[in-house]
Amino acid sequence: MPIAIFATIQPRPEHRDATEQALRLMVAHSRGEPGNLRYDLFIGEGEGLAFELFELYVDQAAVEAHRSSAHYQAYRATTGQWLAAPTQVQLAHPLDIAPFN
């Protein structure tokens, strides 16, 4: 069963550009992972600066492989001090999603 992850990343204003660059690198690497169906980056609108990630994996094993990957571990080690708040992560199981092309 696919697993969706919604993550909100709130960088400190002075680290906005560096955080975006790190996230774009994560996107490039993560899209090529076995078991990854989607890895999309958004910038939030409204109060406060926030990046939003939408991730979709084929199963829990693919999620765990992503979290164990060298690029994910490097991202976490690099950006930890750049964030204004802990990353908010929500997991969900799709009920009705469009087919993959």
N, C-alpha and C. Protein backbone atom coordinates (compact mmCIF):
# COMPACT_ATOMS: atom_id res chain seq x y z
N MET A 1 0.85 -1.18 0.00
CA MET A 1 0.00 0.00 0.00
C MET A 1 0.89 1.24 0.00
N PRO A 2 0.63 2.18 -0.91
CA PRO A 2 1.45 3.41 -0.95
C PRO A 2 1.36 4.21 0.35
N ILE A 3 2.42 4.94 0.62
CA ILE A 3 2.47 5.81 1.80
C ILE A 3 2.84 7.21 1.33
N ALA A 4 2.05 8.18 1.76
CA ALA A 4 2.31 9.59 1.44
C ALA A 4 2.91 10.26 2.67
N ILE A 5 3.81 11.18 2.42
CA ILE A 5 4.40 11.98 3.48
C ILE A 5 4.25 13.45 3.10
N PHE A 6 3.76 14.23 4.03
CA PHE A 6 3.66 15.67 3.88
C PHE A 6 4.59 16.28 4.93
N ALA A 7 5.56 17.06 4.49
CA ALA A 7 6.54 17.64 5.42
C ALA A 7 6.59 19.15 5.24
N THR A 8 6.61 19.86 6.36
CA THR A 8 6.71 21.32 6.36
C THR A 8 8.05 21.70 6.99
N ILE A 9 8.84 22.44 6.22
CA ILE A 9 10.17 22.86 6.66
C ILE A 9 10.17 24.37 6.77
N GLN A 10 10.51 24.88 7.95
CA GLN A 10 10.51 26.32 8.21
C GLN A 10 11.93 26.79 8.49
N PRO A 11 12.61 27.32 7.46
CA PRO A 11 13.98 27.80 7.69
C PRO A 11 14.00 29.16 8.37
N ARG A 12 15.08 29.45 9.04
CA ARG A 12 15.31 30.80 9.52
C ARG A 12 15.48 31.69 8.27
N PRO A 13 15.00 32.92 8.31
CA PRO A 13 15.07 33.78 7.11
C PRO A 13 16.47 33.88 6.51
N GLU A 14 17.48 33.94 7.34
CA GLU A 14 18.85 34.07 6.82
C GLU A 14 19.36 32.79 6.15
N HIS A 15 18.63 31.69 6.32
CA HIS A 15 19.03 30.41 5.72
C HIS A 15 18.05 29.95 4.64
N ARG A 16 17.19 30.86 4.20
CA ARG A 16 16.17 30.51 3.21
C ARG A 16 16.78 29.93 1.94
N ASP A 17 17.74 30.65 1.34
CA ASP A 17 18.32 30.21 0.07
C ASP A 17 19.10 28.91 0.21
N ALA A 18 19.88 28.78 1.28
CA ALA A 18 20.65 27.57 1.49
C ALA A 18 19.72 26.37 1.73
N THR A 19 18.63 26.59 2.46
CA THR A 19 17.67 25.51 2.69
C THR A 19 17.03 25.10 1.38
N GLU A 20 16.65 26.07 0.56
CA GLU A 20 16.05 25.73 -0.75
C GLU A 20 17.03 24.92 -1.59
N GLN A 21 18.28 25.32 -1.63
CA GLN A 21 19.27 24.58 -2.41
C GLN A 21 19.42 23.15 -1.90
N ALA A 22 19.46 22.99 -0.58
CA ALA A 22 19.57 21.66 0.01
C ALA A 22 18.34 20.80 -0.32
N LEU A 23 17.16 21.42 -0.28
CA LEU A 23 15.93 20.69 -0.61
C LEU A 23 15.90 20.31 -2.08
N ARG A 24 16.34 21.20 -2.96
CA ARG A 24 16.36 20.88 -4.39
C ARG A 24 17.31 19.70 -4.68
N LEU A 25 18.42 19.65 -3.97
CA LEU A 25 19.34 18.53 -4.10
C LEU A 25 18.67 17.24 -3.61
N MET A 26 17.95 17.33 -2.50
CA MET A 26 17.21 16.17 -1.98
C MET A 26 16.20 15.69 -3.00
N VAL A 27 15.48 16.61 -3.63
CA VAL A 27 14.49 16.25 -4.64
C VAL A 27 15.16 15.47 -5.77
N ALA A 28 16.26 16.00 -6.28
CA ALA A 28 16.96 15.35 -7.39
C ALA A 28 17.38 13.92 -7.04
N HIS A 29 17.93 13.73 -5.85
CA HIS A 29 18.37 12.39 -5.44
C HIS A 29 17.18 11.49 -5.13
N SER A 30 16.18 12.01 -4.44
CA SER A 30 15.08 11.18 -3.96
C SER A 30 14.20 10.66 -5.09
N ARG A 31 14.04 11.44 -6.13
CA ARG A 31 13.21 10.99 -7.26
C ARG A 31 13.77 9.75 -7.93
N GLY A 32 15.05 9.51 -7.80
CA GLY A 32 15.66 8.34 -8.40
C GLY A 32 15.69 7.11 -7.51
N GLU A 33 15.21 7.22 -6.31
CA GLU A 33 15.23 6.08 -5.38
C GLU A 33 14.24 5.00 -5.80
N PRO A 34 14.63 3.73 -5.68
CA PRO A 34 13.66 2.66 -5.91
C PRO A 34 12.51 2.80 -4.90
N GLY A 35 11.30 2.66 -5.38
CA GLY A 35 10.15 2.75 -4.49
C GLY A 35 9.60 4.14 -4.30
N ASN A 36 10.27 5.16 -4.86
CA ASN A 36 9.75 6.52 -4.77
C ASN A 36 8.85 6.78 -5.97
N LEU A 37 7.63 7.20 -5.71
CA LEU A 37 6.67 7.50 -6.77
C LEU A 37 6.57 9.00 -7.05
N ARG A 38 6.76 9.82 -6.02
CA ARG A 38 6.72 11.29 -6.17
C ARG A 38 7.59 11.91 -5.10
N TYR A 39 8.17 13.05 -5.43
CA TYR A 39 8.93 13.83 -4.46
C TYR A 39 8.87 15.26 -4.96
N ASP A 40 7.92 16.02 -4.48
CA ASP A 40 7.63 17.35 -4.99
C ASP A 40 7.87 18.41 -3.92
N LEU A 41 8.46 19.53 -4.34
CA LEU A 41 8.80 20.64 -3.46
C LEU A 41 7.93 21.84 -3.78
N PHE A 42 7.39 22.46 -2.75
CA PHE A 42 6.55 23.66 -2.88
C PHE A 42 7.06 24.72 -1.91
N ILE A 43 6.71 25.96 -2.18
CA ILE A 43 6.94 27.05 -1.23
C ILE A 43 5.57 27.51 -0.76
N GLY A 44 5.40 27.62 0.54
CA GLY A 44 4.11 28.01 1.10
C GLY A 44 3.84 29.50 0.93
N GLU A 45 2.58 29.83 0.91
CA GLU A 45 2.15 31.23 0.86
C GLU A 45 1.52 31.57 2.20
N GLY A 46 1.50 32.84 2.53
CA GLY A 46 0.87 33.25 3.78
C GLY A 46 1.90 33.62 4.82
N GLU A 47 1.48 33.51 6.06
CA GLU A 47 2.36 33.90 7.17
C GLU A 47 3.54 32.96 7.31
N GLY A 48 4.70 33.53 7.45
CA GLY A 48 5.90 32.74 7.70
C GLY A 48 6.40 32.03 6.46
N LEU A 49 7.69 31.82 6.44
CA LEU A 49 8.35 31.13 5.35
C LEU A 49 8.30 29.64 5.60
N ALA A 50 7.83 28.88 4.63
CA ALA A 50 7.81 27.43 4.78
C ALA A 50 7.93 26.76 3.41
N PHE A 51 8.73 25.72 3.37
CA PHE A 51 8.78 24.83 2.22
C PHE A 51 7.91 23.63 2.55
N GLU A 52 7.26 23.09 1.54
CA GLU A 52 6.40 21.93 1.72
C GLU A 52 6.89 20.83 0.79
N LEU A 53 7.00 19.63 1.32
CA LEU A 53 7.35 18.46 0.52
C LEU A 53 6.16 17.52 0.47
N PHE A 54 5.90 16.98 -0.71
CA PHE A 54 4.94 15.88 -0.86
C PHE A 54 5.71 14.71 -1.41
N GLU A 55 5.70 13.62 -0.66
CA GLU A 55 6.45 12.42 -1.03
C GLU A 55 5.46 11.26 -1.11
N LEU A 56 5.70 10.37 -2.06
CA LEU A 56 4.85 9.18 -2.19
C LEU A 56 5.74 7.99 -2.48
N TYR A 57 5.58 6.96 -1.67
CA TYR A 57 6.40 5.75 -1.76
C TYR A 57 5.51 4.53 -1.93
N VAL A 58 6.07 3.48 -2.52
CA VAL A 58 5.29 2.27 -2.76
C VAL A 58 4.94 1.54 -1.46
N ASP A 59 5.80 1.64 -0.44
CA ASP A 59 5.54 0.95 0.82
C ASP A 59 6.47 1.49 1.92
N GLN A 60 6.32 0.94 3.11
CA GLN A 60 7.11 1.38 4.25
C GLN A 60 8.60 1.09 4.06
N ALA A 61 8.92 0.01 3.39
CA ALA A 61 10.33 -0.31 3.14
C ALA A 61 10.99 0.79 2.30
N ALA A 62 10.27 1.35 1.34
CA ALA A 62 10.81 2.43 0.52
C ALA A 62 11.02 3.70 1.35
N VAL A 63 10.10 3.95 2.30
CA VAL A 63 10.25 5.10 3.21
C VAL A 63 11.52 4.92 4.04
N GLU A 64 11.69 3.74 4.59
CA GLU A 64 12.86 3.46 5.43
C GLU A 64 14.16 3.56 4.61
N ALA A 65 14.13 3.08 3.37
CA ALA A 65 15.31 3.18 2.51
C ALA A 65 15.66 4.65 2.26
N HIS A 66 14.63 5.47 2.05
CA HIS A 66 14.86 6.90 1.85
C HIS A 66 15.50 7.52 3.09
N ARG A 67 14.96 7.22 4.24
CA ARG A 67 15.47 7.79 5.49
C ARG A 67 16.88 7.31 5.81
N SER A 68 17.26 6.17 5.28
CA SER A 68 18.61 5.63 5.50
C SER A 68 19.62 6.08 4.44
N SER A 69 19.12 6.72 3.38
CA SER A 69 20.00 7.09 2.26
C SER A 69 21.05 8.12 2.68
N ALA A 70 22.16 8.10 1.98
CA ALA A 70 23.25 9.04 2.27
C ALA A 70 22.81 10.48 2.05
N HIS A 71 22.03 10.72 1.00
CA HIS A 71 21.61 12.11 0.72
C HIS A 71 20.63 12.63 1.77
N TYR A 72 19.77 11.77 2.30
CA TYR A 72 18.85 12.21 3.35
C TYR A 72 19.63 12.50 4.64
N GLN A 73 20.54 11.62 4.98
CA GLN A 73 21.36 11.81 6.18
C GLN A 73 22.20 13.08 6.07
N ALA A 74 22.75 13.34 4.89
CA ALA A 74 23.54 14.56 4.69
C ALA A 74 22.67 15.80 4.81
N TYR A 75 21.46 15.75 4.24
CA TYR A 75 20.53 16.87 4.35
C TYR A 75 20.24 17.18 5.82
N ARG A 76 19.92 16.14 6.59
CA ARG A 76 19.60 16.34 8.01
C ARG A 76 20.78 16.93 8.77
N ALA A 77 21.96 16.43 8.51
CA ALA A 77 23.15 16.93 9.21
C ALA A 77 23.47 18.37 8.84
N THR A 78 23.24 18.72 7.59
CA THR A 78 23.57 20.05 7.10
C THR A 78 22.58 21.11 7.55
N THR A 79 21.29 20.80 7.52
CA THR A 79 20.26 21.84 7.70
C THR A 79 19.75 21.98 9.12
N GLY A 80 20.12 21.12 10.02
CA GLY A 80 19.57 21.14 11.37
C GLY A 80 19.58 22.50 12.05
N GLN A 81 20.66 23.23 11.94
CA GLN A 81 20.77 24.54 12.59
C GLN A 81 20.14 25.67 11.78
N TRP A 82 19.70 25.36 10.57
CA TRP A 82 19.11 26.38 9.71
C TRP A 82 17.62 26.57 9.95
N LEU A 83 17.00 25.66 10.69
CA LEU A 83 15.54 25.66 10.80
C LEU A 83 15.04 26.45 11.99
N ALA A 84 13.92 27.14 11.79
CA ALA A 84 13.30 27.93 12.85
C ALA A 84 12.44 27.06 13.76
N ALA A 85 12.05 25.88 13.28
CA ALA A 85 11.20 24.97 14.05
C ALA A 85 11.48 23.55 13.55
N PRO A 86 11.18 22.56 14.38
CA PRO A 86 11.34 21.17 13.90
C PRO A 86 10.45 20.92 12.67
N THR A 87 10.94 20.11 11.78
CA THR A 87 10.16 19.75 10.60
C THR A 87 8.90 19.01 11.03
N GLN A 88 7.77 19.44 10.50
CA GLN A 88 6.49 18.78 10.77
C GLN A 88 6.26 17.72 9.70
N VAL A 89 6.02 16.49 10.12
CA VAL A 89 5.84 15.38 9.19
C VAL A 89 4.52 14.68 9.47
N GLN A 90 3.74 14.47 8.42
CA GLN A 90 2.49 13.72 8.53
C GLN A 90 2.54 12.58 7.52
N LEU A 91 2.21 11.39 7.96
CA LEU A 91 2.10 10.23 7.09
C LEU A 91 0.63 9.98 6.81
N ALA A 92 0.33 9.51 5.60
CA ALA A 92 -1.04 9.22 5.22
C ALA A 92 -1.05 8.09 4.21
N HIS A 93 -2.16 7.37 4.16
CA HIS A 93 -2.37 6.33 3.16
C HIS A 93 -3.41 6.83 2.16
N PRO A 94 -3.07 6.83 0.88
CA PRO A 94 -4.00 7.35 -0.13
C PRO A 94 -5.31 6.57 -0.17
N LEU A 95 -6.38 7.30 -0.35
CA LEU A 95 -7.70 6.70 -0.54
C LEU A 95 -8.12 6.75 -2.00
N ASP A 96 -7.76 7.85 -2.68
CA ASP A 96 -8.15 8.02 -4.08
C ASP A 96 -7.13 8.93 -4.76
N ILE A 97 -6.18 8.32 -5.49
CA ILE A 97 -5.16 9.11 -6.17
C ILE A 97 -5.20 8.79 -7.67
N ALA A 98 -4.73 9.76 -8.45
CA ALA A 98 -4.69 9.57 -9.90
C ALA A 98 -3.69 8.48 -10.25
N PRO A 99 -3.92 7.76 -11.33
CA PRO A 99 -2.96 6.73 -11.75
C PRO A 99 -1.64 7.36 -12.15
N PHE A 100 -0.58 6.58 -12.06
CA PHE A 100 0.75 7.05 -12.41
C PHE A 100 0.98 6.79 -13.89
N ASN A 101 1.59 7.74 -14.55
CA ASN A 101 1.88 7.57 -15.98
C ASN A 101 3.30 7.13 -16.17
